Amino acid sequence: MKRAEAMLEELVRHVRPPRGCAIVLMECKSTGPTDSNWVAASGNMELQELIRYSEKIAGWRWTDPQIDWSGVKVLAGQRRVVLWLSCIIDGEAIIATAVSPFPAARP
């Protein structure tokens, strides 16, 4: 069973999303061993990036319906979350992984 963090890294490497585009994997309740225990979401992407993203997610629905969330400590409500985000803050490139999708406000 793949770990959530490793799955996110694999997805980001495969898709190569543009700067400023978030990719999120969020835990969801599964109704059985063949039902998914995760859901993915992303920001806006160009067509080729979106195709790579969609193909990877569709493939995982068959090969990896269940993933291991045990190493994820970040919660959004009751659900565990891993997030990838690349952005520019004050002229500096920032890449965040496995962080809360609801960060504290900057001073």
N, C-alpha and C. Protein backbone atom coordinates (compact mmCIF):
# COMPACT_ATOMS: atom_id res chain seq x y z
N MET A 1 0.85 -1.18 0.00
CA MET A 1 0.00 0.00 0.00
C MET A 1 0.90 1.24 0.00
N LYS A 2 0.63 2.17 -0.89
CA LYS A 2 1.44 3.40 -0.97
C LYS A 2 1.09 4.34 0.18
N ARG A 3 2.12 5.05 0.62
CA ARG A 3 1.90 6.11 1.62
C ARG A 3 1.36 7.36 0.93
N ALA A 4 0.54 8.12 1.60
CA ALA A 4 -0.05 9.32 1.03
C ALA A 4 1.01 10.31 0.56
N GLU A 5 2.06 10.50 1.38
CA GLU A 5 3.11 11.46 1.03
C GLU A 5 3.86 11.02 -0.23
N ALA A 6 4.15 9.72 -0.34
CA ALA A 6 4.85 9.21 -1.52
C ALA A 6 3.97 9.33 -2.77
N MET A 7 2.70 9.11 -2.60
CA MET A 7 1.77 9.23 -3.72
C MET A 7 1.71 10.67 -4.22
N LEU A 8 1.69 11.62 -3.30
CA LEU A 8 1.68 13.03 -3.69
C LEU A 8 2.96 13.39 -4.44
N GLU A 9 4.11 12.94 -3.95
CA GLU A 9 5.38 13.22 -4.63
C GLU A 9 5.38 12.64 -6.03
N GLU A 10 4.91 11.42 -6.17
CA GLU A 10 4.86 10.78 -7.49
C GLU A 10 3.94 11.56 -8.44
N LEU A 11 2.81 12.01 -7.92
CA LEU A 11 1.87 12.77 -8.75
C LEU A 11 2.48 14.09 -9.22
N VAL A 12 3.13 14.79 -8.33
CA VAL A 12 3.75 16.08 -8.68
C VAL A 12 4.86 15.89 -9.71
N ARG A 13 5.68 14.87 -9.53
CA ARG A 13 6.75 14.60 -10.51
C ARG A 13 6.18 14.26 -11.88
N HIS A 14 5.09 13.52 -11.90
CA HIS A 14 4.48 13.11 -13.17
C HIS A 14 3.78 14.28 -13.87
N VAL A 15 3.03 15.07 -13.12
CA VAL A 15 2.23 16.16 -13.70
C VAL A 15 3.08 17.38 -14.03
N ARG A 16 4.04 17.71 -13.16
CA ARG A 16 4.83 18.93 -13.29
C ARG A 16 3.91 20.16 -13.38
N PRO A 17 3.12 20.41 -12.32
CA PRO A 17 2.16 21.53 -12.35
C PRO A 17 2.87 22.88 -12.37
N PRO A 18 2.19 23.89 -12.87
CA PRO A 18 2.80 25.23 -12.93
C PRO A 18 2.92 25.85 -11.54
N ARG A 19 3.80 26.82 -11.44
CA ARG A 19 3.96 27.56 -10.19
C ARG A 19 2.61 28.16 -9.79
N GLY A 20 2.27 28.00 -8.53
CA GLY A 20 1.02 28.55 -8.01
C GLY A 20 -0.14 27.56 -8.05
N CYS A 21 0.07 26.39 -8.63
CA CYS A 21 -0.98 25.38 -8.73
C CYS A 21 -0.85 24.39 -7.57
N ALA A 22 -1.86 24.31 -6.76
CA ALA A 22 -1.85 23.37 -5.64
C ALA A 22 -2.36 22.01 -6.10
N ILE A 23 -1.80 20.96 -5.50
CA ILE A 23 -2.31 19.60 -5.68
C ILE A 23 -2.52 19.05 -4.28
N VAL A 24 -3.70 18.49 -4.03
CA VAL A 24 -4.09 18.04 -2.71
C VAL A 24 -4.59 16.60 -2.77
N LEU A 25 -4.15 15.80 -1.82
CA LEU A 25 -4.76 14.49 -1.57
C LEU A 25 -5.41 14.57 -0.20
N MET A 26 -6.66 14.17 -0.12
CA MET A 26 -7.40 14.24 1.13
C MET A 26 -8.02 12.88 1.44
N GLU A 27 -7.94 12.51 2.68
CA GLU A 27 -8.52 11.26 3.14
C GLU A 27 -10.04 11.33 3.06
N CYS A 28 -10.66 10.24 2.66
CA CYS A 28 -12.12 10.17 2.69
C CYS A 28 -12.53 8.79 3.19
N LYS A 29 -13.74 8.70 3.66
CA LYS A 29 -14.24 7.45 4.23
C LYS A 29 -14.47 6.43 3.12
N SER A 30 -13.97 5.24 3.34
CA SER A 30 -14.11 4.15 2.39
C SER A 30 -15.23 3.22 2.85
N THR A 31 -15.97 2.67 1.90
CA THR A 31 -17.05 1.75 2.25
C THR A 31 -16.62 0.29 2.10
N GLY A 32 -15.38 0.06 1.64
CA GLY A 32 -14.89 -1.30 1.48
C GLY A 32 -13.49 -1.32 0.93
N PRO A 33 -12.87 -2.50 0.83
CA PRO A 33 -11.47 -2.60 0.40
C PRO A 33 -11.22 -2.20 -1.05
N THR A 34 -12.24 -2.21 -1.88
CA THR A 34 -12.04 -1.80 -3.27
C THR A 34 -12.51 -0.37 -3.52
N ASP A 35 -13.07 0.25 -2.48
CA ASP A 35 -13.51 1.64 -2.58
C ASP A 35 -12.37 2.54 -2.14
N SER A 36 -12.21 3.66 -2.81
CA SER A 36 -11.11 4.58 -2.53
C SER A 36 -11.24 5.21 -1.15
N ASN A 37 -10.09 5.39 -0.47
CA ASN A 37 -10.07 6.11 0.80
C ASN A 37 -9.38 7.46 0.64
N TRP A 38 -9.34 7.96 -0.59
CA TRP A 38 -8.70 9.25 -0.87
C TRP A 38 -9.41 9.95 -2.02
N VAL A 39 -9.24 11.24 -2.06
CA VAL A 39 -9.74 12.06 -3.16
C VAL A 39 -8.65 13.07 -3.49
N ALA A 40 -8.51 13.38 -4.77
CA ALA A 40 -7.49 14.33 -5.23
C ALA A 40 -8.16 15.58 -5.78
N ALA A 41 -7.46 16.69 -5.65
CA ALA A 41 -7.94 17.96 -6.22
C ALA A 41 -6.72 18.76 -6.66
N SER A 42 -6.96 19.65 -7.62
CA SER A 42 -5.86 20.49 -8.10
C SER A 42 -6.38 21.85 -8.49
N GLY A 43 -5.43 22.77 -8.62
CA GLY A 43 -5.73 24.09 -9.15
C GLY A 43 -5.76 24.05 -10.67
N ASN A 44 -5.80 25.22 -11.28
CA ASN A 44 -5.84 25.32 -12.74
C ASN A 44 -4.51 24.93 -13.36
N MET A 45 -4.61 24.19 -14.48
CA MET A 45 -3.43 23.75 -15.21
C MET A 45 -3.69 23.87 -16.70
N GLU A 46 -2.60 23.88 -17.47
CA GLU A 46 -2.71 23.83 -18.92
C GLU A 46 -3.18 22.43 -19.34
N LEU A 47 -3.63 22.30 -20.57
CA LEU A 47 -4.22 21.06 -21.06
C LEU A 47 -3.31 19.85 -20.88
N GLN A 48 -2.04 19.93 -21.27
CA GLN A 48 -1.14 18.78 -21.17
C GLN A 48 -0.92 18.36 -19.71
N GLU A 49 -0.81 19.33 -18.82
CA GLU A 49 -0.65 19.02 -17.40
C GLU A 49 -1.92 18.37 -16.86
N LEU A 50 -3.06 18.89 -17.27
CA LEU A 50 -4.34 18.34 -16.83
C LEU A 50 -4.53 16.91 -17.33
N ILE A 51 -4.10 16.63 -18.55
CA ILE A 51 -4.19 15.27 -19.09
C ILE A 51 -3.32 14.32 -18.26
N ARG A 52 -2.08 14.73 -17.98
CA ARG A 52 -1.19 13.89 -17.17
C ARG A 52 -1.79 13.64 -15.78
N TYR A 53 -2.33 14.68 -15.18
CA TYR A 53 -2.97 14.58 -13.86
C TYR A 53 -4.14 13.60 -13.91
N SER A 54 -5.03 13.78 -14.85
CA SER A 54 -6.24 12.95 -14.95
C SER A 54 -5.91 11.49 -15.22
N GLU A 55 -4.94 11.26 -16.10
CA GLU A 55 -4.55 9.88 -16.41
C GLU A 55 -3.95 9.19 -15.18
N LYS A 56 -3.12 9.90 -14.43
CA LYS A 56 -2.50 9.32 -13.24
C LYS A 56 -3.55 8.99 -12.18
N ILE A 57 -4.45 9.93 -11.94
CA ILE A 57 -5.51 9.72 -10.94
C ILE A 57 -6.40 8.55 -11.36
N ALA A 58 -6.80 8.50 -12.62
CA ALA A 58 -7.66 7.41 -13.11
C ALA A 58 -6.96 6.06 -12.95
N GLY A 59 -5.67 6.00 -13.24
CA GLY A 59 -4.93 4.75 -13.08
C GLY A 59 -4.88 4.31 -11.63
N TRP A 60 -4.66 5.25 -10.72
CA TRP A 60 -4.59 4.92 -9.31
C TRP A 60 -5.92 4.44 -8.76
N ARG A 61 -7.03 4.88 -9.35
CA ARG A 61 -8.34 4.41 -8.89
C ARG A 61 -8.43 2.88 -9.01
N TRP A 62 -7.74 2.32 -10.01
CA TRP A 62 -7.71 0.86 -10.20
C TRP A 62 -6.60 0.20 -9.41
N THR A 63 -5.41 0.80 -9.43
CA THR A 63 -4.25 0.13 -8.82
C THR A 63 -4.08 0.42 -7.33
N ASP A 64 -4.50 1.58 -6.87
CA ASP A 64 -4.29 2.00 -5.48
C ASP A 64 -5.52 2.65 -4.87
N PRO A 65 -6.63 1.90 -4.77
CA PRO A 65 -7.83 2.53 -4.20
C PRO A 65 -7.67 2.88 -2.73
N GLN A 66 -6.79 2.18 -2.04
CA GLN A 66 -6.54 2.45 -0.63
C GLN A 66 -5.09 2.89 -0.47
N ILE A 67 -4.86 3.97 0.27
CA ILE A 67 -3.50 4.42 0.56
C ILE A 67 -3.32 4.53 2.08
N ASP A 68 -2.07 4.52 2.50
CA ASP A 68 -1.71 4.56 3.91
C ASP A 68 -1.62 6.00 4.39
N TRP A 69 -2.49 6.38 5.30
CA TRP A 69 -2.53 7.74 5.85
C TRP A 69 -1.84 7.83 7.21
N SER A 70 -1.26 6.74 7.69
CA SER A 70 -0.75 6.71 9.07
C SER A 70 0.34 7.73 9.36
N GLY A 71 1.13 8.13 8.37
CA GLY A 71 2.20 9.10 8.61
C GLY A 71 1.77 10.55 8.50
N VAL A 72 0.53 10.79 8.13
CA VAL A 72 0.05 12.16 7.91
C VAL A 72 -0.58 12.69 9.20
N LYS A 73 -0.05 13.78 9.69
CA LYS A 73 -0.53 14.37 10.95
C LYS A 73 -1.36 15.65 10.72
N VAL A 74 -1.35 16.17 9.51
CA VAL A 74 -2.07 17.41 9.21
C VAL A 74 -3.54 17.08 8.97
N LEU A 75 -4.41 17.80 9.66
CA LEU A 75 -5.84 17.58 9.53
C LEU A 75 -6.53 18.81 8.97
N ALA A 76 -7.55 18.56 8.17
CA ALA A 76 -8.49 19.60 7.74
C ALA A 76 -9.84 19.10 8.23
N GLY A 77 -10.26 19.60 9.37
CA GLY A 77 -11.44 19.04 10.01
C GLY A 77 -11.08 17.66 10.55
N GLN A 78 -11.83 16.64 10.14
CA GLN A 78 -11.59 15.26 10.58
C GLN A 78 -10.71 14.49 9.60
N ARG A 79 -10.36 15.07 8.46
CA ARG A 79 -9.64 14.36 7.40
C ARG A 79 -8.16 14.72 7.38
N ARG A 80 -7.33 13.70 7.11
CA ARG A 80 -5.90 13.95 6.93
C ARG A 80 -5.67 14.46 5.50
N VAL A 81 -4.67 15.34 5.36
CA VAL A 81 -4.44 16.03 4.10
C VAL A 81 -2.94 16.12 3.81
N VAL A 82 -2.57 15.90 2.54
CA VAL A 82 -1.22 16.25 2.07
C VAL A 82 -1.40 17.22 0.92
N LEU A 83 -0.55 18.24 0.89
CA LEU A 83 -0.69 19.34 -0.07
C LEU A 83 0.66 19.66 -0.67
N TRP A 84 0.68 19.93 -1.98
CA TRP A 84 1.85 20.44 -2.66
C TRP A 84 1.47 21.80 -3.22
N LEU A 85 2.31 22.80 -2.97
CA LEU A 85 2.05 24.15 -3.45
C LEU A 85 3.36 24.83 -3.77
N SER A 86 3.44 25.43 -4.93
CA SER A 86 4.61 26.20 -5.32
C SER A 86 4.14 27.61 -5.60
N CYS A 87 4.77 28.57 -4.96
CA CYS A 87 4.35 29.96 -5.18
C CYS A 87 5.54 30.89 -4.95
N ILE A 88 5.33 32.15 -5.21
CA ILE A 88 6.36 33.15 -4.96
C ILE A 88 5.84 34.12 -3.90
N ILE A 89 6.61 34.26 -2.83
CA ILE A 89 6.25 35.18 -1.76
C ILE A 89 7.43 36.11 -1.57
N ASP A 90 7.17 37.41 -1.68
CA ASP A 90 8.21 38.42 -1.53
C ASP A 90 9.39 38.14 -2.45
N GLY A 91 9.11 37.68 -3.69
CA GLY A 91 10.15 37.43 -4.67
C GLY A 91 10.93 36.15 -4.48
N GLU A 92 10.55 35.34 -3.52
CA GLU A 92 11.26 34.10 -3.23
C GLU A 92 10.36 32.90 -3.55
N ALA A 93 10.90 31.93 -4.27
CA ALA A 93 10.13 30.72 -4.60
C ALA A 93 9.96 29.88 -3.35
N ILE A 94 8.74 29.48 -3.08
CA ILE A 94 8.41 28.66 -1.92
C ILE A 94 7.73 27.39 -2.43
N ILE A 95 8.22 26.25 -2.00
CA ILE A 95 7.57 24.98 -2.31
C ILE A 95 7.22 24.31 -1.00
N ALA A 96 5.96 24.05 -0.79
CA ALA A 96 5.50 23.43 0.45
C ALA A 96 4.92 22.07 0.13
N THR A 97 5.24 21.08 0.94
CA THR A 97 4.64 19.76 0.79
C THR A 97 4.18 19.26 2.15
N ALA A 98 3.13 18.47 2.13
CA ALA A 98 2.60 17.85 3.35
C ALA A 98 2.34 18.87 4.44
N VAL A 99 1.74 19.99 4.07
CA VAL A 99 1.40 21.02 5.05
C VAL A 99 -0.10 21.24 5.04
N SER A 100 -0.55 21.94 6.02
CA SER A 100 -1.97 22.22 6.12
C SER A 100 -2.43 23.10 4.96
N PRO A 101 -3.62 22.82 4.41
CA PRO A 101 -4.13 23.68 3.36
C PRO A 101 -4.66 25.00 3.93
N PHE A 102 -4.60 25.16 5.24
CA PHE A 102 -5.10 26.36 5.89
C PHE A 102 -4.00 26.97 6.74
N PRO A 103 -2.93 27.50 6.10
CA PRO A 103 -1.80 28.00 6.88
C PRO A 103 -2.17 29.26 7.65
N ALA A 104 -1.40 29.51 8.68
CA ALA A 104 -1.60 30.73 9.46
C ALA A 104 -1.25 31.93 8.60
N ALA A 105 -1.90 33.03 8.88
CA ALA A 105 -1.63 34.26 8.12
C ALA A 105 -0.21 34.73 8.39
N ARG A 106 0.41 35.27 7.36
CA ARG A 106 1.76 35.83 7.53
C ARG A 106 1.67 37.17 8.19
N PRO A 107 2.65 37.52 9.04
CA PRO A 107 2.62 38.84 9.72
C PRO A 107 2.80 39.98 8.74
